[in-house]
Amino acid sequence: MDRKPVVNIGEQRFYKLIEENRFYIDKTDFIREWWENGSTVTLITRPRRFGKT
C-alpha cells in the first residue's frame, strides 16, 4: 500500500525526502514575482522564536 506524500518541514537532505516519501515546495517563482513587483513595503513574517538564542 502506497503512503501519501507528506509536505517536508525542516529536512535539508534531499535523499531523506525520497526515503520518507516527502515532497519539497519550491518557492523560487514566489521570490521572482516579489522581486519584480517592486512594492515599496513588503511584510515577510518569520516563525515564532525563529532566530532567538
C-alpha atoms as a PDB file:
ATOM      1  CA  MET A   1       0.000   0.000   0.000  1.00  0.00           C
ATOM      2  CA  ASP A   2       1.440   3.397  -1.031  1.00  0.00           C
ATOM      3  CA  ARG A   3       1.528   6.135   1.541  1.00  0.00           C
ATOM      4  CA  LYS A   4       0.503   9.649   0.592  1.00  0.00           C
ATOM      5  CA  PRO A   5       3.452  12.071   0.374  1.00  0.00           C
ATOM      6  CA  VAL A   6       3.885  14.466   3.281  1.00  0.00           C
ATOM      7  CA  VAL A   7       4.961  18.107   2.981  1.00  0.00           C
ATOM      8  CA  ASN A   8       8.527  18.430   4.210  1.00  0.00           C
ATOM      9  CA  ILE A   9       9.239  20.748   7.116  1.00  0.00           C
ATOM     10  CA  GLY A  10      12.836  21.324   8.151  1.00  0.00           C
ATOM     11  CA  GLU A  11      14.616  18.462   6.387  1.00  0.00           C
ATOM     12  CA  GLN A  12      17.665  19.677   4.440  1.00  0.00           C
ATOM     13  CA  ARG A  13      18.853  16.366   2.949  1.00  0.00           C
ATOM     14  CA  PHE A  14      17.244  15.510  -0.378  1.00  0.00           C
ATOM     15  CA  TYR A  15      17.790  11.756  -0.032  1.00  0.00           C
ATOM     16  CA  LYS A  16      15.794  11.811   3.234  1.00  0.00           C
ATOM     17  CA  LEU A  17      12.853  13.379   1.394  1.00  0.00           C
ATOM     18  CA  ILE A  18      12.867  10.482  -1.049  1.00  0.00           C
ATOM     19  CA  GLU A  19      13.322   7.814   1.644  1.00  0.00           C
ATOM     20  CA  GLU A  20      10.500   9.193   3.793  1.00  0.00           C
ATOM     21  CA  ASN A  21       8.101   9.817   0.859  1.00  0.00           C
ATOM     22  CA  ARG A  22       8.029  13.580   1.429  1.00  0.00           C
ATOM     23  CA  PHE A  23       7.933  16.406  -1.075  1.00  0.00           C
ATOM     24  CA  TYR A  24       9.501  19.856  -1.272  1.00  0.00           C
ATOM     25  CA  ILE A  25       7.674  23.036  -2.265  1.00  0.00           C
ATOM     26  CA  ASP A  26       9.865  25.267  -4.428  1.00  0.00           C
ATOM     27  CA  LYS A  27       9.125  28.951  -3.799  1.00  0.00           C
ATOM     28  CA  THR A  28      11.561  30.293  -6.396  1.00  0.00           C
ATOM     29  CA  ASP A  29       8.751  31.720  -8.547  1.00  0.00           C
ATOM     30  CA  PHE A  30       7.266  33.480  -5.498  1.00  0.00           C
ATOM     31  CA  ILE A  31      10.613  35.201  -4.865  1.00  0.00           C
ATOM     32  CA  ARG A  32      10.894  36.255  -8.532  1.00  0.00           C
ATOM     33  CA  GLU A  33       7.383  37.719  -8.525  1.00  0.00           C
ATOM     34  CA  TRP A  34       8.080  39.577  -5.269  1.00  0.00           C
ATOM     35  CA  TRP A  35      11.347  40.977  -6.641  1.00  0.00           C
ATOM     36  CA  GLU A  36       9.799  42.102  -9.940  1.00  0.00           C
ATOM     37  CA  ASN A  37       6.727  43.608  -8.245  1.00  0.00           C
ATOM     38  CA  GLY A  38       8.780  46.452  -6.767  1.00  0.00           C
ATOM     39  CA  SER A  39       6.466  47.189  -3.843  1.00  0.00           C
ATOM     40  CA  THR A  40       7.527  49.971  -1.500  1.00  0.00           C
ATOM     41  CA  VAL A  41       6.594  47.867   1.536  1.00  0.00           C
ATOM     42  CA  THR A  42       6.804  44.096   1.927  1.00  0.00           C
ATOM     43  CA  LEU A  43       5.970  42.171   5.083  1.00  0.00           C
ATOM     44  CA  ILE A  44       7.734  38.827   5.406  1.00  0.00           C
ATOM     45  CA  THR A  45       6.871  37.140   8.663  1.00  0.00           C
ATOM     46  CA  ARG A  46       9.003  34.595  10.482  1.00  0.00           C
ATOM     47  CA  PRO A  47       8.082  31.556  12.524  1.00  0.00           C
ATOM     48  CA  ARG A  48       7.661  32.090  16.255  1.00  0.00           C
ATOM     49  CA  ARG A  49      11.033  32.089  18.083  1.00  0.00           C
ATOM     50  CA  PHE A  50      12.925  31.884  14.793  1.00  0.00           C
ATOM     51  CA  GLY A  51      16.477  33.168  15.222  1.00  0.00           C
ATOM     52  CA  LYS A  52      16.245  33.521  19.001  1.00  0.00           C
ATOM     53  CA  THR A  53      19.038  32.315  21.260  1.00  0.00           C
END
